[in-house]
Amino acid sequence: MDSMEDETREMSEKSTQVFKTLSVRKRNPTVFNEFFSHPVENELFHRTLLRIQLVDVDKEEREVVIGESDYWIDSNPIRRFTLFALPMNVARPDLGELEFSMMYQPTIGRIVIGDIIATNLPNLKDTKNVMVRGRLFIKKNFVEEEKSEELDKFNEESTSFNKKLIFDVNGKEIVDSNIILTLIHHTRKGYESMGEVCVSHRNGSCDRLHWSKMLNGIREKHTEIHKLMPSL
């Protein structure tokens, strides 16, 4: 173990070459067409590590590593193009995305969430129905719950919900509020969460950009795509 750490530390002191593919939309399977090459000196052949990272890129061009695999190139010298599989350690599970619009109507004190689309979901072969549940919290206290329609026809790549989720929030409470949207599926085990999204004005553990756009453009719909996160 110590020798491996010493090798990695010694390698990190040398220059590291980074290659990136173009960003592509996730498919099954997801294919990247770029090829990369880099010369390796003979004396470094037994001390060179190839680290492959799978990175999620959002609309704001923020990059999050969701999985990676390390490959010491001397473990299986490749003299020609070879197709082989490497196990990847998952840094954070890929549960899919939830796209939705938010609109604030200050005159009547109302937040409207609509145009809800769940995309790139895991295998749903044991799923009977799917729906979205929204819960409003004000100062960490649960206030209200709304649910979309339950769909018995759905698609792993893209599933749309037509019902709007409407929450009553007055102007004094809007900055202390947060909404948690949970994607729920009905299986033989009952109703289970597939992942959730939290949006808020102040809560640092939630997405605040979408909420900020909603408040900066009142009476207008603002749509964002959010990564589904494991439910707490």
Protein backbone atom coordinates (compact mmCIF):
# COMPACT_ATOMS: atom_id res chain seq x y z
CA MET A 1 0.00 0.00 0.00
CA ASP A 2 2.82 2.39 0.88
CA SER A 3 4.61 1.70 -2.40
CA MET A 4 1.41 2.48 -4.34
CA GLU A 5 1.01 5.78 -2.48
CA ASP A 6 4.65 6.65 -3.09
CA GLU A 7 4.24 5.96 -6.81
CA THR A 8 1.11 8.09 -7.01
CA ARG A 9 2.77 10.92 -5.06
CA GLU A 10 5.85 10.80 -7.30
CA MET A 11 3.69 10.80 -10.40
CA SER A 12 1.62 13.75 -9.16
CA GLU A 13 4.78 15.81 -8.91
CA LYS A 14 5.30 15.43 -12.65
CA SER A 15 3.19 17.12 -15.28
CA THR A 16 -0.24 15.60 -15.80
CA GLN A 17 -1.84 15.52 -19.23
CA VAL A 18 -5.62 15.96 -19.28
CA PHE A 19 -7.83 14.94 -22.20
CA LYS A 20 -11.56 15.62 -22.48
CA THR A 21 -14.19 14.32 -24.85
CA LEU A 22 -16.99 16.49 -26.11
CA SER A 23 -20.08 16.63 -23.90
CA VAL A 24 -22.86 14.37 -25.13
CA ARG A 25 -26.39 13.67 -23.90
CA LYS A 26 -26.69 10.46 -21.93
CA ARG A 27 -27.94 7.46 -23.90
CA ASN A 28 -27.99 3.71 -23.38
CA PRO A 29 -25.22 3.12 -24.26
CA THR A 30 -23.49 6.51 -24.21
CA VAL A 31 -20.76 6.66 -26.86
CA PHE A 32 -17.78 9.05 -27.06
CA ASN A 33 -16.01 9.16 -30.45
CA GLU A 34 -12.77 10.99 -29.59
CA PHE A 35 -9.34 9.30 -29.62
CA PHE A 36 -6.38 10.49 -27.56
CA SER A 37 -2.69 9.63 -27.55
CA HIS A 38 0.29 10.68 -25.46
CA PRO A 39 3.93 9.50 -25.48
CA VAL A 40 5.24 7.73 -22.37
CA GLU A 41 8.98 7.54 -21.73
CA ASN A 42 10.40 4.07 -21.10
CA GLU A 43 11.54 4.89 -17.57
CA LEU A 44 8.00 6.03 -16.71
CA PHE A 45 6.13 3.09 -18.23
CA HIS A 46 5.85 1.20 -14.94
CA ARG A 47 4.84 4.33 -13.01
CA THR A 48 2.14 5.83 -15.23
CA LEU A 49 -1.49 5.80 -14.23
CA LEU A 50 -4.44 6.38 -16.56
CA ARG A 51 -7.39 7.79 -14.61
CA ILE A 52 -10.70 7.76 -16.47
CA GLN A 53 -13.45 9.92 -15.02
CA LEU A 54 -17.12 10.11 -15.97
CA VAL A 55 -18.23 13.71 -15.49
CA ASP A 56 -21.68 15.27 -15.44
CA VAL A 57 -21.85 18.74 -17.04
CA ASP A 58 -24.89 20.89 -16.22
CA LYS A 59 -26.38 23.88 -18.04
CA GLU A 60 -24.07 26.24 -16.15
CA GLU A 61 -21.03 24.24 -17.38
CA ARG A 62 -20.33 23.01 -13.84
CA GLU A 63 -18.55 19.64 -13.79
CA VAL A 64 -19.19 16.92 -11.19
CA VAL A 65 -17.30 13.60 -11.20
CA ILE A 66 -19.84 10.79 -10.87
CA GLY A 67 -17.45 7.87 -11.35
CA GLU A 68 -13.83 7.03 -12.04
CA SER A 69 -11.47 4.16 -12.74
CA ASP A 70 -7.68 3.90 -12.34
CA TYR A 71 -5.60 1.84 -14.78
CA TRP A 72 -1.83 1.28 -14.46
CA ILE A 73 -0.75 1.00 -18.08
CA ASP A 74 1.90 -1.67 -17.42
CA SER A 75 -0.74 -4.06 -16.04
CA ASN A 76 -1.91 -4.95 -19.54
CA PRO A 77 0.29 -3.43 -22.27
CA ILE A 78 -1.76 -2.59 -25.35
CA ARG A 79 0.01 -2.68 -28.72
CA ARG A 80 -3.09 -2.07 -30.80
CA PHE A 81 -6.64 -0.82 -30.34
CA THR A 82 -8.35 -3.17 -27.92
CA LEU A 83 -11.86 -3.16 -26.52
CA PHE A 84 -12.05 -4.02 -22.84
CA ALA A 85 -14.08 -3.08 -19.78
CA LEU A 86 -12.86 -1.34 -16.63
CA PRO A 87 -14.82 -1.37 -13.36
CA MET A 88 -15.77 2.15 -12.29
CA ASN A 89 -16.13 3.37 -8.72
CA VAL A 90 -19.33 5.41 -8.50
CA ALA A 91 -18.76 8.69 -6.68
CA ARG A 92 -22.45 9.56 -6.66
CA PRO A 93 -25.35 7.56 -8.08
CA ASP A 94 -26.85 8.62 -11.39
CA LEU A 95 -30.58 8.65 -10.68
CA GLY A 96 -31.63 10.72 -13.68
CA GLU A 97 -32.89 14.29 -13.92
CA LEU A 98 -36.02 16.27 -13.16
CA GLU A 99 -36.82 19.24 -15.38
CA PHE A 100 -39.50 21.69 -14.30
CA SER A 101 -40.56 25.33 -14.47
CA MET A 102 -41.15 27.67 -11.51
CA MET A 103 -43.25 30.83 -11.45
CA TYR A 104 -44.03 33.18 -8.56
CA GLN A 105 -47.26 35.20 -8.55
CA PRO A 106 -46.75 37.78 -5.75
CA THR A 107 -50.23 39.34 -5.90
CA ILE A 108 -51.92 36.12 -4.81
CA GLY A 109 -48.85 34.66 -3.05
CA ARG A 110 -48.47 31.56 -5.14
CA ILE A 111 -45.63 29.40 -6.50
CA VAL A 112 -46.54 27.32 -9.54
CA ILE A 113 -44.38 24.36 -10.58
CA GLY A 114 -45.16 22.83 -13.96
CA ASP A 115 -43.80 21.36 -17.19
CA ILE A 116 -42.34 18.51 -15.14
CA ILE A 117 -40.26 16.00 -17.10
CA ALA A 118 -38.26 13.10 -15.65
CA THR A 119 -35.38 11.97 -17.89
CA ASN A 120 -32.69 9.29 -18.02
CA LEU A 121 -34.23 7.20 -15.26
CA PRO A 122 -32.86 3.85 -14.05
CA ASN A 123 -34.47 0.57 -15.06
CA LEU A 124 -38.23 0.76 -14.48
CA LYS A 125 -39.18 -2.81 -15.43
CA ASP A 126 -40.75 -3.51 -12.00
CA THR A 127 -42.52 -0.14 -11.86
CA LYS A 128 -46.32 0.05 -12.08
CA ASN A 129 -46.82 3.82 -11.74
CA VAL A 130 -44.72 6.96 -11.35
CA MET A 131 -45.61 10.37 -9.90
CA VAL A 132 -44.01 13.51 -8.48
CA ARG A 133 -44.69 14.68 -4.92
CA GLY A 134 -43.97 18.25 -3.87
CA ARG A 135 -43.64 19.40 -0.28
CA LEU A 136 -43.42 23.01 0.91
CA PHE A 137 -41.41 23.85 4.03
CA ILE A 138 -41.31 27.27 5.68
CA LYS A 139 -38.59 27.82 8.28
CA LYS A 140 -37.97 24.05 8.20
CA ASN A 141 -41.60 23.34 9.11
CA PHE A 142 -43.73 21.22 6.78
CA VAL A 143 -46.67 23.25 5.45
CA GLU A 144 -48.22 21.72 2.35
CA GLU A 145 -48.07 18.75 -0.02
CA GLU A 146 -49.06 18.49 -3.67
CA LYS A 147 -48.91 15.52 -6.04
CA SER A 148 -48.86 15.11 -9.79
CA GLU A 149 -50.98 12.56 -11.59
CA GLU A 150 -49.87 8.92 -11.41
CA LEU A 151 -48.72 7.62 -14.78
CA ASP A 152 -48.97 3.96 -15.75
CA LYS A 153 -47.35 4.70 -19.11
CA PHE A 154 -43.82 6.03 -18.82
CA ASN A 155 -40.47 6.02 -20.57
CA GLU A 156 -37.04 5.78 -18.99
CA GLU A 157 -35.62 8.39 -21.36
CA SER A 158 -38.39 10.98 -20.89
CA THR A 159 -41.65 11.00 -18.92
CA SER A 160 -43.83 14.13 -18.75
CA PHE A 161 -46.34 15.11 -16.05
CA ASN A 162 -49.16 17.52 -16.97
CA LYS A 163 -50.53 18.50 -13.56
CA LYS A 164 -49.16 21.69 -11.98
CA LEU A 165 -48.10 21.76 -8.33
CA ILE A 166 -49.40 24.95 -6.67
CA PHE A 167 -48.20 26.24 -3.30
CA ASP A 168 -49.47 29.27 -1.36
CA VAL A 169 -46.55 31.37 -0.05
CA ASN A 170 -46.89 35.02 0.95
CA GLY A 171 -44.20 37.59 0.32
CA LYS A 172 -42.90 37.59 3.90
CA GLU A 173 -42.34 33.82 3.85
CA ILE A 174 -40.89 33.41 0.37
CA VAL A 175 -37.24 33.81 1.46
CA ASP A 176 -37.64 31.27 4.28
CA SER A 177 -39.27 28.62 2.10
CA ASN A 178 -38.00 25.58 0.27
CA ILE A 179 -39.72 22.98 -1.87
CA ILE A 180 -38.68 19.33 -2.18
CA LEU A 181 -39.82 17.46 -5.29
CA THR A 182 -39.63 13.67 -5.01
CA LEU A 183 -39.99 11.27 -7.93
CA ILE A 184 -41.89 8.23 -6.65
CA HIS A 185 -42.56 4.89 -8.29
CA HIS A 186 -45.00 2.16 -7.29
CA THR A 187 -43.55 -1.35 -7.27
CA ARG A 188 -44.50 -4.65 -5.67
CA LYS A 189 -42.86 -3.33 -2.49
CA GLY A 190 -45.11 -0.27 -2.42
CA TYR A 191 -44.31 3.40 -3.07
CA GLU A 192 -40.60 4.21 -3.07
CA SER A 193 -38.54 7.31 -3.77
CA MET A 194 -36.38 7.31 -6.91
CA GLY A 195 -34.68 10.57 -5.98
CA GLU A 196 -35.46 14.14 -5.06
CA VAL A 197 -34.69 17.78 -5.85
CA CYS A 198 -34.65 20.63 -3.34
CA VAL A 199 -35.03 24.28 -4.36
CA SER A 200 -34.77 27.17 -1.92
CA HIS A 201 -33.79 30.80 -1.44
CA ARG A 202 -31.45 30.41 1.54
CA ASN A 203 -30.89 26.71 2.24
CA GLY A 204 -27.32 25.95 1.19
CA SER A 205 -28.05 22.24 0.68
CA CYS A 206 -30.67 23.09 -1.96
CA ASP A 207 -30.42 24.57 -5.45
CA ARG A 208 -30.74 28.34 -5.01
CA LEU A 209 -30.15 29.45 -8.62
CA HIS A 210 -33.56 28.32 -9.85
CA TRP A 211 -35.32 30.02 -6.93
CA SER A 212 -33.34 33.21 -7.52
CA LYS A 213 -34.32 33.27 -11.20
CA MET A 214 -37.97 32.83 -10.20
CA LEU A 215 -37.85 35.82 -7.83
CA ASN A 216 -35.94 38.00 -10.29
CA GLY A 217 -38.53 37.37 -13.01
CA ILE A 218 -41.90 37.26 -11.27
CA ARG A 219 -44.98 36.11 -13.22
CA GLU A 220 -42.70 34.35 -15.71
CA LYS A 221 -41.89 30.67 -16.02
CA HIS A 222 -38.25 29.70 -15.42
CA THR A 223 -37.20 26.19 -16.40
CA GLU A 224 -34.14 24.31 -15.17
CA ILE A 225 -32.89 20.71 -15.21
CA HIS A 226 -31.86 19.25 -11.84
CA LYS A 227 -29.99 16.08 -10.99
CA LEU A 228 -32.05 13.71 -8.87
CA MET A 229 -30.35 13.10 -5.54
CA PRO A 230 -30.89 10.25 -3.05
CA SER A 231 -33.73 10.99 -0.65
CA LEU A 232 -32.68 11.81 2.91
